[in-house]
Amino acid sequence: MPRVLLSGSALMLGFGALEVAVPAFADDAGSPGMSGLLLALWSLGSVAGGLWFGARVVSASLPRQYRWLLLGVTIGLAR
């Protein structure tokens, strides 16, 4: 459980940093009003991905799924 807590905390720290960085980016680009649209599009992508993944039947174990999904989110946030 400590590993899940640590990795989840790091993940939420990354999401929080991105939620601050997106409005700062939009403001720096000269369109501060676009930050809401950018965050909304990001949210729609999260909903679509969650629905897609939730509709699948995965044969891998939960720890293995967690590791792969955590790696995918980490790569996505790093880009």
PDB file of N, CA and C in Angstrom:
ATOM      1  N   MET A   1       0.797  -1.197   0.000  1.00  0.00           N
ATOM      2  CA  MET A   1       0.000   0.000   0.000  1.00  0.00           C
ATOM      3  C   MET A   1       0.849   1.274   0.000  1.00  0.00           C
ATOM      4  N   PRO A   2       1.996   1.296   0.674  1.00  0.00           N
ATOM      5  CA  PRO A   2       2.813   2.515   0.610  1.00  0.00           C
ATOM      6  C   PRO A   2       3.254   2.869  -0.805  1.00  0.00           C
ATOM      7  N   ARG A   3       3.505   1.852  -1.634  1.00  0.00           N
ATOM      8  CA  ARG A   3       3.911   2.134  -3.019  1.00  0.00           C
ATOM      9  C   ARG A   3       2.783   2.795  -3.795  1.00  0.00           C
ATOM     10  N   VAL A   4       1.563   2.315  -3.583  1.00  0.00           N
ATOM     11  CA  VAL A   4       0.413   2.907  -4.268  1.00  0.00           C
ATOM     12  C   VAL A   4       0.214   4.344  -3.792  1.00  0.00           C
ATOM     13  N   LEU A   5       0.361   4.573  -2.497  1.00  0.00           N
ATOM     14  CA  LEU A   5       0.221   5.921  -1.953  1.00  0.00           C
ATOM     15  C   LEU A   5       1.294   6.859  -2.516  1.00  0.00           C
ATOM     16  N   LEU A   6       2.516   6.387  -2.576  1.00  0.00           N
ATOM     17  CA  LEU A   6       3.609   7.218  -3.098  1.00  0.00           C
ATOM     18  C   LEU A   6       3.422   7.513  -4.588  1.00  0.00           C
ATOM     19  N   SER A   7       3.110   6.486  -5.363  1.00  0.00           N
ATOM     20  CA  SER A   7       2.947   6.714  -6.807  1.00  0.00           C
ATOM     21  C   SER A   7       1.707   7.557  -7.088  1.00  0.00           C
ATOM     22  N   GLY A   8       0.633   7.344  -6.334  1.00  0.00           N
ATOM     23  CA  GLY A   8      -0.567   8.162  -6.509  1.00  0.00           C
ATOM     24  C   GLY A   8      -0.329   9.616  -6.133  1.00  0.00           C
ATOM     25  N   SER A   9       0.455   9.839  -5.090  1.00  0.00           N
ATOM     26  CA  SER A   9       0.779  11.210  -4.685  1.00  0.00           C
ATOM     27  C   SER A   9       1.613  11.910  -5.755  1.00  0.00           C
ATOM     28  N   ALA A  10       2.585  11.195  -6.303  1.00  0.00           N
ATOM     29  CA  ALA A  10       3.402  11.768  -7.371  1.00  0.00           C
ATOM     30  C   ALA A  10       2.559  12.069  -8.601  1.00  0.00           C
ATOM     31  N   LEU A  11       1.629  11.195  -8.900  1.00  0.00           N
ATOM     32  CA  LEU A  11       0.745  11.394 -10.048  1.00  0.00           C
ATOM     33  C   LEU A  11      -0.129  12.630  -9.847  1.00  0.00           C
ATOM     34  N   MET A  12      -0.691  12.772  -8.665  1.00  0.00           N
ATOM     35  CA  MET A  12      -1.543  13.940  -8.383  1.00  0.00           C
ATOM     36  C   MET A  12      -0.726  15.232  -8.368  1.00  0.00           C
ATOM     37  N   LEU A  13       0.520  15.152  -7.945  1.00  0.00           N
ATOM     38  CA  LEU A  13       1.397  16.324  -7.998  1.00  0.00           C
ATOM     39  C   LEU A  13       1.624  16.742  -9.451  1.00  0.00           C
ATOM     40  N   GLY A  14       1.807  15.757 -10.321  1.00  0.00           N
ATOM     41  CA  GLY A  14       1.973  16.056 -11.749  1.00  0.00           C
ATOM     42  C   GLY A  14       0.724  16.673 -12.354  1.00  0.00           C
ATOM     43  N   PHE A  15      -0.451  16.126 -12.013  1.00  0.00           N
ATOM     44  CA  PHE A  15      -1.706  16.685 -12.520  1.00  0.00           C
ATOM     45  C   PHE A  15      -1.913  18.106 -11.995  1.00  0.00           C
ATOM     46  N   GLY A  16      -1.603  18.325 -10.732  1.00  0.00           N
ATOM     47  CA  GLY A  16      -1.749  19.664 -10.156  1.00  0.00           C
ATOM     48  C   GLY A  16      -0.826  20.672 -10.824  1.00  0.00           C
ATOM     49  N   ALA A  17       0.405  20.258 -11.085  1.00  0.00           N
ATOM     50  CA  ALA A  17       1.348  21.151 -11.759  1.00  0.00           C
ATOM     51  C   ALA A  17       0.868  21.488 -13.162  1.00  0.00           C
ATOM     52  N   LEU A  18       0.297  20.519 -13.840  1.00  0.00           N
ATOM     53  CA  LEU A  18      -0.207  20.765 -15.186  1.00  0.00           C
ATOM     54  C   LEU A  18      -1.414  21.695 -15.166  1.00  0.00           C
ATOM     55  N   GLU A  19      -2.251  21.569 -14.139  1.00  0.00           N
ATOM     56  CA  GLU A  19      -3.420  22.452 -14.032  1.00  0.00           C
ATOM     57  C   GLU A  19      -3.013  23.898 -13.753  1.00  0.00           C
ATOM     58  N   VAL A  20      -1.830  24.097 -13.216  1.00  0.00           N
ATOM     59  CA  VAL A  20      -1.305  25.451 -13.030  1.00  0.00           C
ATOM     60  C   VAL A  20      -0.576  25.906 -14.287  1.00  0.00           C
ATOM     61  N   ALA A  21       0.114  24.978 -14.947  1.00  0.00           N
ATOM     62  CA  ALA A  21       0.914  25.329 -16.120  1.00  0.00           C
ATOM     63  C   ALA A  21       0.063  25.676 -17.333  1.00  0.00           C
ATOM     64  N   VAL A  22      -1.085  25.022 -17.503  1.00  0.00           N
ATOM     65  CA  VAL A  22      -1.922  25.289 -18.678  1.00  0.00           C
ATOM     66  C   VAL A  22      -2.431  26.730 -18.684  1.00  0.00           C
ATOM     67  N   PRO A  23      -3.008  27.247 -17.592  1.00  0.00           N
ATOM     68  CA  PRO A  23      -3.409  28.660 -17.613  1.00  0.00           C
ATOM     69  C   PRO A  23      -2.220  29.622 -17.757  1.00  0.00           C
ATOM     70  N   ALA A  24      -1.088  29.262 -17.173  1.00  0.00           N
ATOM     71  CA  ALA A  24       0.091  30.109 -17.330  1.00  0.00           C
ATOM     72  C   ALA A  24       0.549  30.136 -18.779  1.00  0.00           C
ATOM     73  N   PHE A  25       0.490  28.995 -19.452  1.00  0.00           N
ATOM     74  CA  PHE A  25       0.847  28.922 -20.864  1.00  0.00           C
ATOM     75  C   PHE A  25      -0.106  29.766 -21.706  1.00  0.00           C
ATOM     76  N   ALA A  26      -1.405  29.639 -21.429  1.00  0.00           N
ATOM     77  CA  ALA A  26      -2.393  30.406 -22.196  1.00  0.00           C
ATOM     78  C   ALA A  26      -2.211  31.898 -21.957  1.00  0.00           C
ATOM     79  N   ASP A  27      -1.922  32.285 -20.739  1.00  0.00           N
ATOM     80  CA  ASP A  27      -1.697  33.697 -20.424  1.00  0.00           C
ATOM     81  C   ASP A  27      -0.444  34.204 -21.121  1.00  0.00           C
ATOM     82  N   ASP A  28       0.605  33.401 -21.119  1.00  0.00           N
ATOM     83  CA  ASP A  28       1.851  33.792 -21.779  1.00  0.00           C
ATOM     84  C   ASP A  28       1.677  33.897 -23.289  1.00  0.00           C
ATOM     85  N   ALA A  29       0.778  33.079 -23.851  1.00  0.00           N
ATOM     86  CA  ALA A  29       0.524  33.119 -25.289  1.00  0.00           C
ATOM     87  C   ALA A  29      -0.372  34.293 -25.680  1.00  0.00           C
ATOM     88  N   GLY A  30      -0.899  35.014 -24.679  1.00  0.00           N
ATOM     89  CA  GLY A  30      -1.718  36.178 -24.968  1.00  0.00           C
ATOM     90  C   GLY A  30      -3.207  35.882 -25.032  1.00  0.00           C
ATOM     91  N   SER A  31      -3.619  34.693 -24.665  1.00  0.00           N
ATOM     92  CA  SER A  31      -5.035  34.323 -24.681  1.00  0.00           C
ATOM     93  C   SER A  31      -5.422  33.683 -23.345  1.00  0.00           C
ATOM     94  N   PRO A  32      -5.519  34.488 -22.301  1.00  0.00           N
ATOM     95  CA  PRO A  32      -5.817  33.903 -20.990  1.00  0.00           C
ATOM     96  C   PRO A  32      -7.184  33.231 -20.944  1.00  0.00           C
ATOM     97  N   GLY A  33      -8.113  33.632 -21.789  1.00  0.00           N
ATOM     98  CA  GLY A  33      -9.427  33.017 -21.814  1.00  0.00           C
ATOM     99  C   GLY A  33      -9.429  31.610 -22.379  1.00  0.00           C
ATOM    100  N   MET A  34      -8.381  31.230 -23.079  1.00  0.00           N
ATOM    101  CA  MET A  34      -8.290  29.897 -23.674  1.00  0.00           C
ATOM    102  C   MET A  34      -7.942  28.824 -22.644  1.00  0.00           C
ATOM    103  N   SER A  35      -7.509  29.227 -21.456  1.00  0.00           N
ATOM    104  CA  SER A  35      -7.104  28.226 -20.468  1.00  0.00           C
ATOM    105  C   SER A  35      -8.276  27.328 -20.088  1.00  0.00           C
ATOM    106  N   GLY A  36      -9.460  27.895 -19.967  1.00  0.00           N
ATOM    107  CA  GLY A  36     -10.627  27.081 -19.650  1.00  0.00           C
ATOM    108  C   GLY A  36     -10.939  26.078 -20.746  1.00  0.00           C
ATOM    109  N   LEU A  37     -10.822  26.508 -21.993  1.00  0.00           N
ATOM    110  CA  LEU A  37     -11.068  25.605 -23.121  1.00  0.00           C
ATOM    111  C   LEU A  37     -10.020  24.495 -23.164  1.00  0.00           C
ATOM    112  N   LEU A  38      -8.768  24.837 -22.924  1.00  0.00           N
ATOM    113  CA  LEU A  38      -7.712  23.821 -22.931  1.00  0.00           C
ATOM    114  C   LEU A  38      -7.929  22.791 -21.829  1.00  0.00           C
ATOM    115  N   LEU A  39      -8.293  23.249 -20.636  1.00  0.00           N
ATOM    116  CA  LEU A  39      -8.549  22.319 -19.536  1.00  0.00           C
ATOM    117  C   LEU A  39      -9.789  21.474 -19.806  1.00  0.00           C
ATOM    118  N   ALA A  40     -10.795  22.067 -20.456  1.00  0.00           N
ATOM    119  CA  ALA A  40     -12.008  21.309 -20.793  1.00  0.00           C
ATOM    120  C   ALA A  40     -11.700  20.227 -21.819  1.00  0.00           C
ATOM    121  N   LEU A  41     -10.888  20.542 -22.810  1.00  0.00           N
ATOM    122  CA  LEU A  41     -10.508  19.533 -23.809  1.00  0.00           C
ATOM    123  C   LEU A  41      -9.718  18.403 -23.169  1.00  0.00           C
ATOM    124  N   TRP A  42      -8.836  18.750 -22.249  1.00  0.00           N
ATOM    125  CA  TRP A  42      -8.057  17.752 -21.522  1.00  0.00           C
ATOM    126  C   TRP A  42      -9.006  16.844 -20.724  1.00  0.00           C
ATOM    127  N   SER A  43     -10.005  17.443 -20.094  1.00  0.00           N
ATOM    128  CA  SER A  43     -10.979  16.673 -19.322  1.00  0.00           C
ATOM    129  C   SER A  43     -11.789  15.744 -20.219  1.00  0.00           C
ATOM    130  N   LEU A  44     -12.187  16.222 -21.385  1.00  0.00           N
ATOM    131  CA  LEU A  44     -12.928  15.368 -22.319  1.00  0.00           C
ATOM    132  C   LEU A  44     -12.085  14.179 -22.780  1.00  0.00           C
ATOM    133  N   GLY A  45     -10.816  14.424 -22.993  1.00  0.00           N
ATOM    134  CA  GLY A  45      -9.917  13.325 -23.352  1.00  0.00           C
ATOM    135  C   GLY A  45      -9.807  12.305 -22.231  1.00  0.00           C
ATOM    136  N   SER A  46      -9.783  12.778 -20.999  1.00  0.00           N
ATOM    137  CA  SER A  46      -9.732  11.868 -19.852  1.00  0.00           C
ATOM    138  C   SER A  46     -11.010  11.044 -19.751  1.00  0.00           C
ATOM    139  N   VAL A  47     -12.147  11.677 -19.986  1.00  0.00           N
ATOM    140  CA  VAL A  47     -13.422  10.963 -19.944  1.00  0.00           C
ATOM    141  C   VAL A  47     -13.466   9.903 -21.047  1.00  0.00           C
ATOM    142  N   ALA A  48     -13.069  10.276 -22.244  1.00  0.00           N
ATOM    143  CA  ALA A  48     -13.078   9.332 -23.367  1.00  0.00           C
ATOM    144  C   ALA A  48     -12.153   8.149 -23.084  1.00  0.00           C
ATOM    145  N   GLY A  49     -10.971   8.428 -22.569  1.00  0.00           N
ATOM    146  CA  GLY A  49     -10.038   7.350 -22.248  1.00  0.00           C
ATOM    147  C   GLY A  49     -10.560   6.452 -21.141  1.00  0.00           C
ATOM    148  N   GLY A  50     -11.180   7.043 -20.125  1.00  0.00           N
ATOM    149  CA  GLY A  50     -11.751   6.250 -19.036  1.00  0.00           C
ATOM    150  C   GLY A  50     -12.889   5.363 -19.502  1.00  0.00           C
ATOM    151  N   LEU A  51     -13.749   5.890 -20.350  1.00  0.00           N
ATOM    152  CA  LEU A  51     -14.845   5.085 -20.887  1.00  0.00           C
ATOM    153  C   LEU A  51     -14.327   3.961 -21.779  1.00  0.00           C
ATOM    154  N   TRP A  52     -13.341   4.267 -22.594  1.00  0.00           N
ATOM    155  CA  TRP A  52     -12.760   3.253 -23.473  1.00  0.00           C
ATOM    156  C   TRP A  52     -12.112   2.144 -22.658  1.00  0.00           C
ATOM    157  N   PHE A  53     -11.309   2.520 -21.666  1.00  0.00           N
ATOM    158  CA  PHE A  53     -10.622   1.506 -20.869  1.00  0.00           C
ATOM    159  C   PHE A  53     -11.600   0.728 -19.998  1.00  0.00           C
ATOM    160  N   GLY A  54     -12.624   1.391 -19.482  1.00  0.00           N
ATOM    161  CA  GLY A  54     -13.608   0.723 -18.648  1.00  0.00           C
ATOM    162  C   GLY A  54     -14.460  -0.270 -19.404  1.00  0.00           C
ATOM    163  N   ALA A  55     -14.599  -0.074 -20.698  1.00  0.00           N
ATOM    164  CA  ALA A  55     -15.413  -0.986 -21.505  1.00  0.00           C
ATOM    165  C   ALA A  55     -14.637  -2.234 -21.934  1.00  0.00           C
ATOM    166  N   ARG A  56     -13.332  -2.234 -21.711  1.00  0.00           N
ATOM    167  CA  ARG A  56     -12.504  -3.366 -22.124  1.00  0.00           C
ATOM    168  C   ARG A  56     -12.470  -4.440 -21.050  1.00  0.00           C
ATOM    169  N   VAL A  57     -12.223  -5.659 -21.469  1.00  0.00           N
ATOM    170  CA  VAL A  57     -11.973  -6.761 -20.548  1.00  0.00           C
ATOM    171  C   VAL A  57     -10.479  -7.069 -20.619  1.00  0.00           C
ATOM    172  N   VAL A  58      -9.784  -6.811 -19.536  1.00  0.00           N
ATOM    173  CA  VAL A  58      -8.334  -6.968 -19.514  1.00  0.00           C
ATOM    174  C   VAL A  58      -7.989  -8.212 -18.700  1.00  0.00           C
ATOM    175  N   SER A  59      -7.131  -9.044 -19.252  1.00  0.00           N
ATOM    176  CA  SER A  59      -6.771 -10.281 -18.568  1.00  0.00           C
ATOM    177  C   SER A  59      -5.562 -10.109 -17.645  1.00  0.00           C
ATOM    178  N   ALA A  60      -4.880  -8.981 -17.732  1.00  0.00           N
ATOM    179  CA  ALA A  60      -3.703  -8.759 -16.891  1.00  0.00           C
ATOM    180  C   ALA A  60      -4.130  -8.504 -15.444  1.00  0.00           C
ATOM    181  N   SER A  61      -3.235  -8.793 -14.524  1.00  0.00           N
ATOM    182  CA  SER A  61      -3.528  -8.572 -13.105  1.00  0.00           C
ATOM    183  C   SER A  61      -3.590  -7.074 -12.820  1.00  0.00           C
ATOM    184  N   LEU A  62      -4.247  -6.714 -11.738  1.00  0.00           N
ATOM    185  CA  LEU A  62      -4.385  -5.294 -11.385  1.00  0.00           C
ATOM    186  C   LEU A  62      -3.049  -4.601 -11.145  1.00  0.00           C
ATOM    187  N   PRO A  63      -2.093  -5.230 -10.431  1.00  0.00           N
ATOM    188  CA  PRO A  63      -0.791  -4.542 -10.281  1.00  0.00           C
ATOM    189  C   PRO A  63      -0.102  -4.286 -11.621  1.00  0.00           C
ATOM    190  N   ARG A  64      -0.211  -5.249 -12.527  1.00  0.00           N
ATOM    191  CA  ARG A  64       0.414  -5.068 -13.841  1.00  0.00           C
ATOM    192  C   ARG A  64      -0.281  -3.952 -14.625  1.00  0.00           C
ATOM    193  N   GLN A  65      -1.608  -3.924 -14.572  1.00  0.00           N
ATOM    194  CA  GLN A  65      -2.357  -2.846 -15.232  1.00  0.00           C
ATOM    195  C   GLN A  65      -1.958  -1.493 -14.655  1.00  0.00           C
ATOM    196  N   TYR A  66      -1.850  -1.425 -13.329  1.00  0.00           N
ATOM    197  CA  TYR A  66      -1.495  -0.167 -12.667  1.00  0.00           C
ATOM    198  C   TYR A  66      -0.127   0.323 -13.129  1.00  0.00           C
ATOM    199  N   ARG A  67       0.834  -0.591 -13.192  1.00  0.00           N
ATOM    200  CA  ARG A  67       2.182  -0.197 -13.631  1.00  0.00           C
ATOM    201  C   ARG A  67       2.171   0.324 -15.066  1.00  0.00           C
ATOM    202  N   TRP A  68       1.474  -0.377 -15.972  1.00  0.00           N
ATOM    203  CA  TRP A  68       1.443   0.050 -17.377  1.00  0.00           C
ATOM    204  C   TRP A  68       0.710   1.379 -17.544  1.00  0.00           C
ATOM    205  N   LEU A  69      -0.408   1.528 -16.846  1.00  0.00           N
ATOM    206  CA  LEU A  69      -1.159   2.781 -16.961  1.00  0.00           C
ATOM    207  C   LEU A  69      -0.394   3.944 -16.341  1.00  0.00           C
ATOM    208  N   LEU A  70       0.288   3.688 -15.234  1.00  0.00           N
ATOM    209  CA  LEU A  70       1.102   4.727 -14.617  1.00  0.00           C
ATOM    210  C   LEU A  70       2.241   5.146 -15.540  1.00  0.00           C
ATOM    211  N   LEU A  71       2.842   4.189 -16.209  1.00  0.00           N
ATOM    212  CA  LEU A  71       3.884   4.507 -17.179  1.00  0.00           C
ATOM    213  C   LEU A  71       3.316   5.339 -18.327  1.00  0.00           C
ATOM    214  N   GLY A  72       2.141   4.972 -18.808  1.00  0.00           N
ATOM    215  CA  GLY A  72       1.516   5.730 -19.896  1.00  0.00           C
ATOM    216  C   GLY A  72       1.189   7.161 -19.502  1.00  0.00           C
ATOM    217  N   VAL A  73       0.670   7.351 -18.303  1.00  0.00           N
ATOM    218  CA  VAL A  73       0.357   8.704 -17.837  1.00  0.00           C
ATOM    219  C   VAL A  73       1.640   9.504 -17.647  1.00  0.00           C
ATOM    220  N   THR A  74       2.667   8.868 -17.132  1.00  0.00           N
ATOM    221  CA  THR A  74       3.952   9.561 -16.936  1.00  0.00           C
ATOM    222  C   THR A  74       4.527  10.023 -18.263  1.00  0.00           C
ATOM    223  N   ILE A  75       4.481   9.173 -19.263  1.00  0.00           N
ATOM    224  CA  ILE A  75       4.977   9.551 -20.591  1.00  0.00           C
ATOM    225  C   ILE A  75       4.128  10.673 -21.168  1.00  0.00           C
ATOM    226  N   GLY A  76       2.809  10.564 -20.994  1.00  0.00           N
ATOM    227  CA  GLY A  76       1.915  11.607 -21.507  1.00  0.00           C
ATOM    228  C   GLY A  76       2.153  12.955 -20.839  1.00  0.00           C
ATOM    229  N   LEU A  77       2.401  12.950 -19.532  1.00  0.00           N
ATOM    230  CA  LEU A  77       2.651  14.211 -18.845  1.00  0.00           C
ATOM    231  C   LEU A  77       4.021  14.793 -19.185  1.00  0.00           C
ATOM    232  N   ALA A  78       4.959  13.933 -19.518  1.00  0.00           N
ATOM    233  CA  ALA A  78       6.315  14.404 -19.842  1.00  0.00           C
ATOM    234  C   ALA A  78       6.382  15.080 -21.195  1.00  0.00           C
ATOM    235  N   ARG A  79       5.446  14.767 -22.065  1.00  0.00           N
ATOM    236  CA  ARG A  79       5.450  15.340 -23.401  1.00  0.00           C
ATOM    237  C   ARG A  79       4.976  16.729 -23.304  1.00  0.00           C
TER     238      ARG A  79
END
